[in-house]
């Protein structure tokens, strides 16, 4: 399956937001290229492009914490993918359920 006519960035990548399909918690943000998209279409699990390692990676390929794709949608600008998944374990390499576990303090003073 070919990747639809998405608006890829200068590196040929599409931002992907991964969300738990049951809890709606955002689990992680990663990047998808045409090869990763094809792998997801064929396997029904998440695949991404590692910008640091410059290679494809199957989420959970090493840890076993795979993500079964329930549905995918694209935003109105065609440049961000929302992937709803059934996770088989934590999404974060730290062992946390989500990569977004560090809460930041917000300045409450009016500007």
Protein backbone atom coordinates (compact mmCIF):
# COMPACT_ATOMS: atom_id res chain seq x y z
CA UNK A 1 0.00 0.00 0.00
CA UNK A 2 1.41 3.35 -1.00
CA UNK A 3 1.46 6.26 1.39
CA UNK A 4 -1.35 8.76 0.65
CA UNK A 5 -0.50 12.25 -0.59
CA UNK A 6 0.64 13.56 2.80
CA UNK A 7 2.70 16.73 3.23
CA UNK A 8 6.06 15.35 4.34
CA UNK A 9 8.70 17.55 5.95
CA UNK A 10 12.04 18.33 4.28
CA UNK A 11 13.38 14.96 5.48
CA UNK A 12 10.47 13.04 3.97
CA UNK A 13 8.82 12.43 7.35
CA UNK A 14 5.35 12.78 8.80
CA UNK A 15 4.81 13.49 12.51
CA UNK A 16 2.78 10.74 14.20
CA UNK A 17 0.93 11.10 17.50
CA UNK A 18 0.21 7.72 19.10
CA UNK A 19 -2.82 7.52 21.40
CA UNK A 20 -4.29 4.68 23.47
CA UNK A 21 -7.59 3.84 21.78
CA UNK A 22 -9.31 3.06 25.11
CA UNK A 23 -8.00 5.70 27.54
CA UNK A 24 -7.27 8.38 24.91
CA UNK A 25 -3.94 9.06 26.64
CA UNK A 26 -1.23 10.32 24.29
CA UNK A 27 1.50 7.70 24.47
CA UNK A 28 4.25 9.04 22.25
CA UNK A 29 5.21 11.12 19.23
CA UNK A 30 7.32 9.60 16.48
CA UNK A 31 8.02 9.97 12.76
CA UNK A 32 6.77 7.98 9.79
CA UNK A 33 8.28 7.75 6.33
CA UNK A 34 6.79 5.88 3.34
CA UNK A 35 8.51 2.60 4.31
CA UNK A 36 7.20 2.77 7.90
CA UNK A 37 3.71 3.54 6.59
CA UNK A 38 3.81 0.50 4.31
CA UNK A 39 4.98 -1.72 7.19
CA UNK A 40 2.10 -0.48 9.36
CA UNK A 41 -0.40 -1.15 6.57
CA UNK A 42 0.95 -4.71 6.14
CA UNK A 43 1.42 -5.69 9.80
CA UNK A 44 -1.26 -3.70 11.66
CA UNK A 45 1.36 -2.61 14.20
CA UNK A 46 3.29 0.64 14.57
CA UNK A 47 6.55 1.18 12.69
CA UNK A 48 8.52 4.41 12.71
CA UNK A 49 11.61 6.09 11.31
CA UNK A 50 14.32 6.75 13.89
CA UNK A 51 15.84 10.14 13.16
CA UNK A 52 18.80 9.45 15.46
CA UNK A 53 19.63 5.97 14.13
CA UNK A 54 18.45 6.68 10.56
CA UNK A 55 16.58 3.37 10.35
CA UNK A 56 13.12 1.83 10.53
CA UNK A 57 12.01 0.49 13.88
CA UNK A 58 9.12 -1.69 14.91
CA UNK A 59 7.65 -0.44 18.20
CA UNK A 60 8.08 -3.33 20.62
CA UNK A 61 10.39 -5.27 18.32
CA UNK A 62 12.95 -5.55 21.11
CA UNK A 63 10.90 -4.92 24.27
CA UNK A 64 7.74 -6.80 23.27
CA UNK A 65 5.70 -3.63 23.96
CA UNK A 66 4.00 -3.64 20.59
CA UNK A 67 1.12 -1.41 19.53
CA UNK A 68 -1.80 -2.86 17.55
CA UNK A 69 -3.28 -0.21 15.27
CA UNK A 70 -7.02 0.32 15.76
CA UNK A 71 -7.41 3.34 13.48
CA UNK A 72 -5.37 6.04 11.77
CA UNK A 73 -6.41 9.52 10.72
CA UNK A 74 -4.64 12.55 9.31
CA UNK A 75 -5.10 16.18 10.28
CA UNK A 76 -6.61 18.84 8.01
CA UNK A 77 -3.16 19.99 6.81
CA UNK A 78 -2.18 16.42 5.85
CA UNK A 79 1.03 16.72 7.87
CA UNK A 80 0.29 14.90 11.14
CA UNK A 81 -0.90 11.35 11.62
CA UNK A 82 -2.99 10.25 14.62
CA UNK A 83 -2.52 6.55 15.31
CA UNK A 84 -4.92 5.01 17.81
CA UNK A 85 -3.55 1.78 19.26
CA UNK A 86 -4.08 -1.04 21.70
CA UNK A 87 -0.74 -1.04 23.53
CA UNK A 88 0.85 -4.25 24.75
CA UNK A 89 2.85 -2.66 27.56
CA UNK A 90 4.36 0.76 28.15
CA UNK A 91 5.09 3.07 25.24
CA UNK A 92 8.07 4.84 26.77
CA UNK A 93 11.56 3.35 26.81
CA UNK A 94 11.75 4.39 30.50
CA UNK A 95 8.98 1.93 31.37
CA UNK A 96 6.36 4.65 31.80
CA UNK A 97 2.97 4.11 30.16
CA UNK A 98 3.36 7.34 28.18
CA UNK A 99 6.40 9.36 27.15
CA UNK A 100 4.55 12.39 28.58
CA UNK A 101 5.00 11.86 32.31
CA UNK A 102 6.97 14.97 33.26
CA UNK A 103 4.55 17.69 34.29
CA UNK A 104 5.72 21.28 33.93
CA UNK A 105 4.87 24.19 36.20
CA UNK A 106 3.01 26.96 34.41
CA UNK A 107 3.36 30.62 35.38
CA UNK A 108 -0.11 31.67 36.51
CA UNK A 109 0.57 35.43 36.51
CA UNK A 110 -1.43 37.50 34.00
CA UNK A 111 0.72 39.01 31.27
